[in-house]
Amino acid sequence: MHWEERATITRFEGQFDTGGPEETQALGARLGRSLKGGEIVALFGELGSGKTTFIRGLARGLGVRDLSQVKSPSYTLVLSYPGPLPLLHLDAYFMHSPDDVDLCGMEEFLLERGVVAVEWAERVSSRLPAGTISVEMRHTGLDRRGIRIAVLEV
């Protein structure tokens, strides 16, 4: 299914193809607009597959005002973006253990009805609860991405 074929993502499920960063961001924004707060969005995919680009769109859909601040938190591990639904952006790439995710304040953020996005979620997948929204990204061409969105049943 091409990303343009659905007005909104309602059950967080589907296979999408995007033809560049703008389409990847637009898909992330659609997901963001459908969230209510308290969700975890786990992004899986190799280096350069568009995880941060997708999260920039997610932030836009959540109403984050300053999208220029949305960047990969690789060396800081955690970034927070204010908005009507605030976004906590985690990068698990340099975490030494899945337990390190607990040190990032994820649970407190969820209790405040924020949304948590986790890049490199495969490194902490054992700590992701059922109901986590899984976004699997892969290269399918020069600027093309295959993106699968599903709910983890763990």
N, C-alpha and C. Protein backbone atom coordinates (compact mmCIF):
# COMPACT_ATOMS: atom_id res chain seq x y z
N MET A 1 0.86 -1.17 0.00
CA MET A 1 0.00 0.00 0.00
C MET A 1 0.90 1.23 0.00
N HIS A 2 0.60 2.19 -0.84
CA HIS A 2 1.36 3.43 -0.89
C HIS A 2 0.85 4.36 0.20
N TRP A 3 1.73 5.17 0.76
CA TRP A 3 1.38 6.01 1.91
C TRP A 3 0.23 6.95 1.63
N GLU A 4 0.02 7.38 0.39
CA GLU A 4 -1.04 8.33 0.06
C GLU A 4 -2.43 7.70 0.08
N GLU A 5 -2.52 6.40 0.14
CA GLU A 5 -3.80 5.72 -0.02
C GLU A 5 -4.66 5.73 1.24
N ARG A 6 -4.13 6.22 2.36
CA ARG A 6 -4.91 6.24 3.59
C ARG A 6 -4.92 7.64 4.16
N ALA A 7 -6.08 8.13 4.55
CA ALA A 7 -6.18 9.48 5.10
C ALA A 7 -5.55 9.54 6.49
N THR A 8 -5.76 8.52 7.30
CA THR A 8 -5.16 8.46 8.63
C THR A 8 -4.80 7.02 8.92
N ILE A 9 -3.93 6.85 9.87
CA ILE A 9 -3.59 5.50 10.33
C ILE A 9 -4.42 5.29 11.58
N THR A 10 -5.36 4.39 11.52
CA THR A 10 -6.27 4.23 12.64
C THR A 10 -5.92 3.05 13.53
N ARG A 11 -5.49 1.96 12.96
CA ARG A 11 -5.15 0.79 13.76
C ARG A 11 -3.66 0.52 13.73
N PHE A 12 -2.88 1.46 13.22
CA PHE A 12 -1.42 1.37 13.22
C PHE A 12 -0.90 0.16 12.47
N GLU A 13 -1.65 -0.31 11.52
CA GLU A 13 -1.21 -1.50 10.82
C GLU A 13 -1.16 -1.25 9.33
N GLY A 14 -0.12 -1.75 8.69
CA GLY A 14 -0.05 -1.64 7.25
C GLY A 14 1.37 -1.64 6.74
N GLN A 15 1.49 -1.86 5.46
CA GLN A 15 2.77 -1.83 4.76
C GLN A 15 2.71 -0.61 3.84
N PHE A 16 3.71 0.25 3.92
CA PHE A 16 3.72 1.48 3.17
C PHE A 16 5.02 1.61 2.40
N ASP A 17 4.97 2.29 1.27
CA ASP A 17 6.15 2.60 0.47
C ASP A 17 6.24 4.10 0.35
N THR A 18 7.41 4.67 0.65
CA THR A 18 7.59 6.11 0.50
C THR A 18 8.68 6.36 -0.53
N GLY A 19 8.56 7.47 -1.24
CA GLY A 19 9.48 7.79 -2.33
C GLY A 19 10.44 8.91 -2.02
N GLY A 20 10.71 9.17 -0.77
CA GLY A 20 11.67 10.20 -0.40
C GLY A 20 11.41 10.68 1.02
N PRO A 21 12.30 11.53 1.54
CA PRO A 21 12.16 12.01 2.92
C PRO A 21 10.83 12.72 3.20
N GLU A 22 10.32 13.47 2.23
CA GLU A 22 9.07 14.19 2.45
C GLU A 22 7.92 13.22 2.68
N GLU A 23 7.88 12.14 1.91
CA GLU A 23 6.81 11.15 2.07
C GLU A 23 6.98 10.37 3.37
N THR A 24 8.23 10.10 3.75
CA THR A 24 8.49 9.40 5.01
C THR A 24 8.03 10.28 6.18
N GLN A 25 8.33 11.58 6.10
CA GLN A 25 7.88 12.50 7.15
C GLN A 25 6.36 12.60 7.18
N ALA A 26 5.74 12.63 6.01
CA ALA A 26 4.28 12.73 5.94
C ALA A 26 3.62 11.51 6.60
N LEU A 27 4.19 10.34 6.38
CA LEU A 27 3.66 9.13 7.01
C LEU A 27 3.82 9.22 8.53
N GLY A 28 4.98 9.68 9.00
CA GLY A 28 5.19 9.88 10.44
C GLY A 28 4.19 10.87 11.02
N ALA A 29 3.91 11.96 10.28
CA ALA A 29 2.94 12.96 10.74
C ALA A 29 1.55 12.36 10.87
N ARG A 30 1.18 11.51 9.92
CA ARG A 30 -0.13 10.85 9.99
C ARG A 30 -0.24 10.00 11.25
N LEU A 31 0.81 9.26 11.53
CA LEU A 31 0.80 8.45 12.74
C LEU A 31 0.70 9.37 13.96
N GLY A 32 1.49 10.43 13.98
CA GLY A 32 1.48 11.36 15.12
C GLY A 32 0.10 11.95 15.37
N ARG A 33 -0.60 12.32 14.32
CA ARG A 33 -1.94 12.90 14.47
C ARG A 33 -2.95 11.91 15.04
N SER A 34 -2.68 10.62 14.89
CA SER A 34 -3.63 9.62 15.38
C SER A 34 -3.35 9.19 16.82
N LEU A 35 -2.26 9.66 17.42
CA LEU A 35 -1.91 9.26 18.78
C LEU A 35 -2.62 10.15 19.81
N LYS A 36 -2.84 9.59 20.98
CA LYS A 36 -3.55 10.30 22.06
C LYS A 36 -2.65 10.63 23.24
N GLY A 37 -1.45 10.06 23.28
CA GLY A 37 -0.55 10.22 24.42
C GLY A 37 -0.47 8.93 25.20
N GLY A 38 0.71 8.62 25.70
CA GLY A 38 0.91 7.38 26.43
C GLY A 38 1.39 6.23 25.56
N GLU A 39 1.68 6.50 24.28
CA GLU A 39 2.13 5.44 23.36
C GLU A 39 3.66 5.41 23.26
N ILE A 40 4.15 4.21 22.94
CA ILE A 40 5.56 4.02 22.60
C ILE A 40 5.61 3.65 21.12
N VAL A 41 6.46 4.34 20.38
CA VAL A 41 6.68 4.05 18.96
C VAL A 41 8.11 3.55 18.84
N ALA A 42 8.28 2.29 18.48
CA ALA A 42 9.60 1.66 18.39
C ALA A 42 10.00 1.55 16.93
N LEU A 43 11.15 2.15 16.59
CA LEU A 43 11.62 2.15 15.21
C LEU A 43 12.76 1.15 15.04
N PHE A 44 12.60 0.27 14.06
CA PHE A 44 13.57 -0.76 13.73
C PHE A 44 14.07 -0.50 12.32
N GLY A 45 15.37 -0.68 12.10
CA GLY A 45 15.89 -0.53 10.74
C GLY A 45 17.36 -0.23 10.75
N GLU A 46 17.99 -0.51 9.62
CA GLU A 46 19.44 -0.30 9.52
C GLU A 46 19.78 1.19 9.46
N LEU A 47 21.05 1.47 9.55
CA LEU A 47 21.57 2.83 9.47
C LEU A 47 21.10 3.47 8.17
N GLY A 48 20.59 4.69 8.27
CA GLY A 48 20.16 5.41 7.09
C GLY A 48 18.82 5.01 6.52
N SER A 49 18.04 4.24 7.27
CA SER A 49 16.76 3.78 6.75
C SER A 49 15.64 4.81 6.91
N GLY A 50 15.92 5.91 7.60
CA GLY A 50 14.93 6.98 7.71
C GLY A 50 14.25 7.10 9.07
N LYS A 51 14.83 6.49 10.10
CA LYS A 51 14.19 6.52 11.42
C LYS A 51 14.03 7.95 11.94
N THR A 52 15.08 8.75 11.89
CA THR A 52 15.00 10.12 12.40
C THR A 52 14.06 10.95 11.53
N THR A 53 14.08 10.73 10.24
CA THR A 53 13.17 11.44 9.33
C THR A 53 11.72 11.12 9.69
N PHE A 54 11.42 9.86 9.94
CA PHE A 54 10.08 9.46 10.34
C PHE A 54 9.69 10.14 11.66
N ILE A 55 10.63 10.19 12.61
CA ILE A 55 10.34 10.81 13.91
C ILE A 55 10.12 12.31 13.76
N ARG A 56 10.82 12.96 12.84
CA ARG A 56 10.57 14.38 12.58
C ARG A 56 9.11 14.57 12.14
N GLY A 57 8.63 13.68 11.28
CA GLY A 57 7.22 13.73 10.89
C GLY A 57 6.29 13.42 12.04
N LEU A 58 6.64 12.43 12.85
CA LEU A 58 5.85 12.09 14.03
C LEU A 58 5.71 13.32 14.92
N ALA A 59 6.82 14.02 15.14
CA ALA A 59 6.82 15.24 15.97
C ALA A 59 5.88 16.29 15.37
N ARG A 60 5.93 16.45 14.05
CA ARG A 60 5.04 17.40 13.39
C ARG A 60 3.58 17.02 13.65
N GLY A 61 3.26 15.75 13.52
CA GLY A 61 1.89 15.29 13.76
C GLY A 61 1.44 15.47 15.20
N LEU A 62 2.39 15.45 16.13
CA LEU A 62 2.07 15.64 17.55
C LEU A 62 1.95 17.11 17.92
N GLY A 63 2.32 17.99 16.99
CA GLY A 63 2.23 19.43 17.26
C GLY A 63 3.49 20.06 17.82
N VAL A 64 4.62 19.35 17.74
CA VAL A 64 5.90 19.94 18.18
C VAL A 64 6.17 21.15 17.30
N ARG A 65 6.46 22.28 17.93
CA ARG A 65 6.58 23.53 17.19
C ARG A 65 7.89 23.70 16.46
N ASP A 66 8.99 23.38 17.07
CA ASP A 66 10.30 23.63 16.48
C ASP A 66 10.89 22.33 15.95
N LEU A 67 10.57 22.00 14.71
CA LEU A 67 11.03 20.74 14.13
C LEU A 67 12.52 20.75 13.84
N SER A 68 13.15 21.92 13.82
CA SER A 68 14.60 21.98 13.58
C SER A 68 15.36 21.33 14.73
N GLN A 69 14.75 21.21 15.88
CA GLN A 69 15.39 20.58 17.04
C GLN A 69 15.34 19.06 16.99
N VAL A 70 14.50 18.51 16.11
CA VAL A 70 14.33 17.06 16.04
C VAL A 70 15.49 16.48 15.24
N LYS A 71 16.40 15.84 15.95
CA LYS A 71 17.57 15.22 15.33
C LYS A 71 17.88 13.95 16.09
N SER A 72 18.78 13.16 15.55
CA SER A 72 19.13 11.91 16.21
C SER A 72 19.81 12.19 17.55
N PRO A 73 19.33 11.59 18.63
CA PRO A 73 19.95 11.79 19.94
C PRO A 73 21.09 10.82 20.22
N SER A 74 21.81 10.39 19.18
CA SER A 74 22.81 9.34 19.30
C SER A 74 23.76 9.49 20.48
N TYR A 75 24.32 10.67 20.67
CA TYR A 75 25.33 10.82 21.71
C TYR A 75 24.77 11.36 23.01
N THR A 76 23.54 11.84 22.98
CA THR A 76 22.90 12.29 24.22
C THR A 76 21.92 11.25 24.74
N LEU A 77 21.56 10.30 23.91
CA LEU A 77 20.63 9.21 24.18
C LEU A 77 19.17 9.63 24.26
N VAL A 78 18.87 10.82 24.82
CA VAL A 78 17.49 11.23 25.02
C VAL A 78 17.32 12.71 24.67
N LEU A 79 16.28 13.02 23.90
CA LEU A 79 15.89 14.40 23.64
C LEU A 79 14.39 14.50 23.91
N SER A 80 13.96 15.66 24.37
CA SER A 80 12.56 15.88 24.66
C SER A 80 12.10 17.10 23.88
N TYR A 81 10.92 16.99 23.27
CA TYR A 81 10.37 18.07 22.47
C TYR A 81 8.99 18.43 23.02
N PRO A 82 8.80 19.70 23.44
CA PRO A 82 7.49 20.11 23.96
C PRO A 82 6.47 20.28 22.86
N GLY A 83 5.22 20.12 23.21
CA GLY A 83 4.11 20.31 22.28
C GLY A 83 2.82 19.91 22.97
N PRO A 84 1.69 20.02 22.28
CA PRO A 84 0.43 19.59 22.87
C PRO A 84 0.51 18.15 23.37
N LEU A 85 1.18 17.29 22.60
CA LEU A 85 1.57 15.96 23.06
C LEU A 85 3.09 15.94 22.99
N PRO A 86 3.75 16.06 24.14
CA PRO A 86 5.22 16.09 24.12
C PRO A 86 5.81 14.77 23.64
N LEU A 87 7.00 14.86 23.08
CA LEU A 87 7.68 13.69 22.52
C LEU A 87 9.01 13.48 23.21
N LEU A 88 9.25 12.27 23.70
CA LEU A 88 10.53 11.86 24.25
C LEU A 88 11.18 10.97 23.20
N HIS A 89 12.36 11.35 22.74
CA HIS A 89 13.04 10.69 21.63
C HIS A 89 14.28 10.00 22.19
N LEU A 90 14.29 8.67 22.18
CA LEU A 90 15.39 7.87 22.71
C LEU A 90 16.16 7.23 21.56
N ASP A 91 17.47 7.12 21.76
CA ASP A 91 18.31 6.38 20.80
C ASP A 91 18.97 5.26 21.58
N ALA A 92 18.59 4.03 21.28
CA ALA A 92 19.10 2.87 22.03
C ALA A 92 20.40 2.32 21.46
N TYR A 93 20.93 2.92 20.40
CA TYR A 93 22.11 2.37 19.75
C TYR A 93 23.28 2.20 20.70
N PHE A 94 23.53 3.19 21.56
CA PHE A 94 24.68 3.12 22.47
C PHE A 94 24.32 2.64 23.87
N MET A 95 23.11 2.17 24.05
CA MET A 95 22.75 1.62 25.36
C MET A 95 23.46 0.29 25.53
N HIS A 96 23.99 0.05 26.72
CA HIS A 96 24.76 -1.16 26.98
C HIS A 96 23.88 -2.37 27.27
N SER A 97 22.66 -2.10 27.73
CA SER A 97 21.76 -3.19 28.10
C SER A 97 20.33 -2.70 27.92
N PRO A 98 19.40 -3.60 27.68
CA PRO A 98 17.99 -3.19 27.59
C PRO A 98 17.51 -2.47 28.85
N ASP A 99 18.12 -2.78 30.00
CA ASP A 99 17.73 -2.13 31.25
C ASP A 99 18.03 -0.63 31.25
N ASP A 100 18.96 -0.19 30.38
CA ASP A 100 19.30 1.23 30.32
C ASP A 100 18.12 2.10 29.92
N VAL A 101 17.14 1.52 29.25
CA VAL A 101 15.96 2.28 28.84
C VAL A 101 15.21 2.80 30.07
N ASP A 102 15.30 2.09 31.19
CA ASP A 102 14.63 2.53 32.42
C ASP A 102 15.23 3.82 32.96
N LEU A 103 16.50 4.07 32.68
CA LEU A 103 17.17 5.26 33.18
C LEU A 103 16.80 6.52 32.40
N CYS A 104 16.08 6.38 31.31
CA CYS A 104 15.77 7.52 30.44
C CYS A 104 14.48 8.24 30.81
N GLY A 105 13.77 7.78 31.81
CA GLY A 105 12.54 8.44 32.23
C GLY A 105 11.33 8.12 31.38
N MET A 106 11.38 7.01 30.67
CA MET A 106 10.31 6.66 29.76
C MET A 106 8.97 6.47 30.49
N GLU A 107 8.97 5.76 31.60
CA GLU A 107 7.71 5.49 32.30
C GLU A 107 7.06 6.76 32.82
N GLU A 108 7.87 7.66 33.38
CA GLU A 108 7.33 8.92 33.89
C GLU A 108 6.73 9.74 32.76
N PHE A 109 7.40 9.74 31.62
CA PHE A 109 6.94 10.50 30.46
C PHE A 109 5.59 9.96 29.98
N LEU A 110 5.44 8.65 29.96
CA LEU A 110 4.19 8.03 29.54
C LEU A 110 3.06 8.37 30.51
N LEU A 111 3.37 8.42 31.79
CA LEU A 111 2.36 8.78 32.79
C LEU A 111 1.88 10.21 32.59
N GLU A 112 2.74 11.06 32.04
CA GLU A 112 2.36 12.45 31.77
C GLU A 112 1.65 12.57 30.42
N ARG A 113 1.31 11.45 29.80
CA ARG A 113 0.58 11.37 28.53
C ARG A 113 1.40 11.88 27.36
N GLY A 114 2.71 11.73 27.45
CA GLY A 114 3.56 12.03 26.31
C GLY A 114 3.67 10.81 25.41
N VAL A 115 4.40 10.97 24.32
CA VAL A 115 4.67 9.88 23.39
C VAL A 115 6.17 9.63 23.42
N VAL A 116 6.57 8.37 23.43
CA VAL A 116 7.98 7.99 23.43
C VAL A 116 8.30 7.33 22.09
N ALA A 117 9.35 7.82 21.43
CA ALA A 117 9.84 7.21 20.19
C ALA A 117 11.24 6.67 20.47
N VAL A 118 11.48 5.41 20.10
CA VAL A 118 12.75 4.74 20.37
C VAL A 118 13.40 4.32 19.06
N GLU A 119 14.54 4.93 18.73
CA GLU A 119 15.32 4.49 17.57
C GLU A 119 16.19 3.32 17.99
N TRP A 120 16.51 2.45 17.04
CA TRP A 120 17.29 1.23 17.29
C TRP A 120 16.60 0.38 18.35
N ALA A 121 15.30 0.26 18.23
CA ALA A 121 14.50 -0.47 19.22
C ALA A 121 14.88 -1.93 19.34
N GLU A 122 15.53 -2.49 18.32
CA GLU A 122 15.94 -3.90 18.40
C GLU A 122 16.89 -4.14 19.57
N ARG A 123 17.59 -3.09 20.01
CA ARG A 123 18.53 -3.22 21.13
C ARG A 123 17.84 -3.30 22.49
N VAL A 124 16.58 -2.87 22.56
CA VAL A 124 15.85 -2.88 23.83
C VAL A 124 14.50 -3.57 23.68
N SER A 125 14.36 -4.39 22.65
CA SER A 125 13.05 -4.99 22.36
C SER A 125 12.49 -5.82 23.51
N SER A 126 13.36 -6.38 24.33
CA SER A 126 12.87 -7.17 25.47
C SER A 126 12.19 -6.30 26.52
N ARG A 127 12.39 -4.98 26.46
CA ARG A 127 11.79 -4.06 27.42
C ARG A 127 10.55 -3.34 26.88
N LEU A 128 10.16 -3.65 25.65
CA LEU A 128 9.01 -2.97 25.04
C LEU A 128 7.73 -3.72 25.41
N PRO A 129 6.74 -3.02 25.94
CA PRO A 129 5.51 -3.69 26.36
C PRO A 129 4.59 -4.01 25.18
N ALA A 130 3.66 -4.91 25.42
CA ALA A 130 2.61 -5.17 24.43
C ALA A 130 1.89 -3.86 24.18
N GLY A 131 1.48 -3.65 22.96
CA GLY A 131 0.81 -2.40 22.59
C GLY A 131 1.76 -1.37 22.01
N THR A 132 3.06 -1.64 22.07
CA THR A 132 4.03 -0.74 21.44
C THR A 132 3.78 -0.73 19.94
N ILE A 133 3.86 0.45 19.35
CA ILE A 133 3.70 0.58 17.90
C ILE A 133 5.06 0.36 17.26
N SER A 134 5.16 -0.68 16.46
CA SER A 134 6.40 -1.04 15.79
C SER A 134 6.43 -0.42 14.40
N VAL A 135 7.54 0.25 14.08
CA VAL A 135 7.74 0.82 12.75
C VAL A 135 9.03 0.21 12.21
N GLU A 136 8.89 -0.72 11.28
CA GLU A 136 10.05 -1.39 10.67
C GLU A 136 10.34 -0.72 9.34
N MET A 137 11.59 -0.25 9.19
CA MET A 137 11.96 0.50 7.99
C MET A 137 13.09 -0.20 7.25
N ARG A 138 12.99 -0.19 5.91
CA ARG A 138 14.06 -0.78 5.12
C ARG A 138 14.20 -0.02 3.81
N HIS A 139 15.42 -0.05 3.29
CA HIS A 139 15.71 0.55 1.99
C HIS A 139 15.08 -0.31 0.90
N THR A 140 14.41 0.33 -0.06
CA THR A 140 13.88 -0.42 -1.20
C THR A 140 14.33 0.21 -2.53
N GLY A 141 15.18 1.21 -2.44
CA GLY A 141 15.69 1.91 -3.62
C GLY A 141 16.44 3.15 -3.16
N LEU A 142 16.86 3.96 -4.09
CA LEU A 142 17.68 5.13 -3.76
C LEU A 142 17.09 5.96 -2.63
N ASP A 143 15.92 6.52 -2.82
CA ASP A 143 15.25 7.28 -1.76
C ASP A 143 13.98 6.59 -1.28
N ARG A 144 13.78 5.38 -1.70
CA ARG A 144 12.54 4.67 -1.37
C ARG A 144 12.71 3.85 -0.08
N ARG A 145 11.62 3.81 0.67
CA ARG A 145 11.60 3.04 1.91
C ARG A 145 10.35 2.18 1.96
N GLY A 146 10.53 0.98 2.46
CA GLY A 146 9.41 0.12 2.80
C GLY A 146 9.21 0.25 4.30
N ILE A 147 8.01 0.57 4.71
CA ILE A 147 7.74 0.82 6.13
C ILE A 147 6.54 -0.02 6.55
N ARG A 148 6.76 -0.83 7.57
CA ARG A 148 5.68 -1.68 8.10
C ARG A 148 5.34 -1.17 9.50
N ILE A 149 4.07 -0.85 9.70
CA ILE A 149 3.60 -0.36 11.00
C ILE A 149 2.65 -1.40 11.58
N ALA A 150 2.91 -1.81 12.80
CA ALA A 150 2.09 -2.84 13.45
C ALA A 150 2.13 -2.60 14.96
N VAL A 151 1.24 -3.26 15.67
CA VAL A 151 1.23 -3.21 17.13
C VAL A 151 1.88 -4.48 17.64
N LEU A 152 2.90 -4.32 18.51
CA LEU A 152 3.57 -5.47 19.09
C LEU A 152 2.66 -6.17 20.08
N GLU A 153 2.62 -7.48 20.00
CA GLU A 153 1.82 -8.25 20.95
C GLU A 153 2.68 -8.91 22.00
N VAL A 154 3.97 -8.80 21.89
CA VAL A 154 5.00 -9.33 22.78
C VAL A 154 4.57 -10.55 23.52
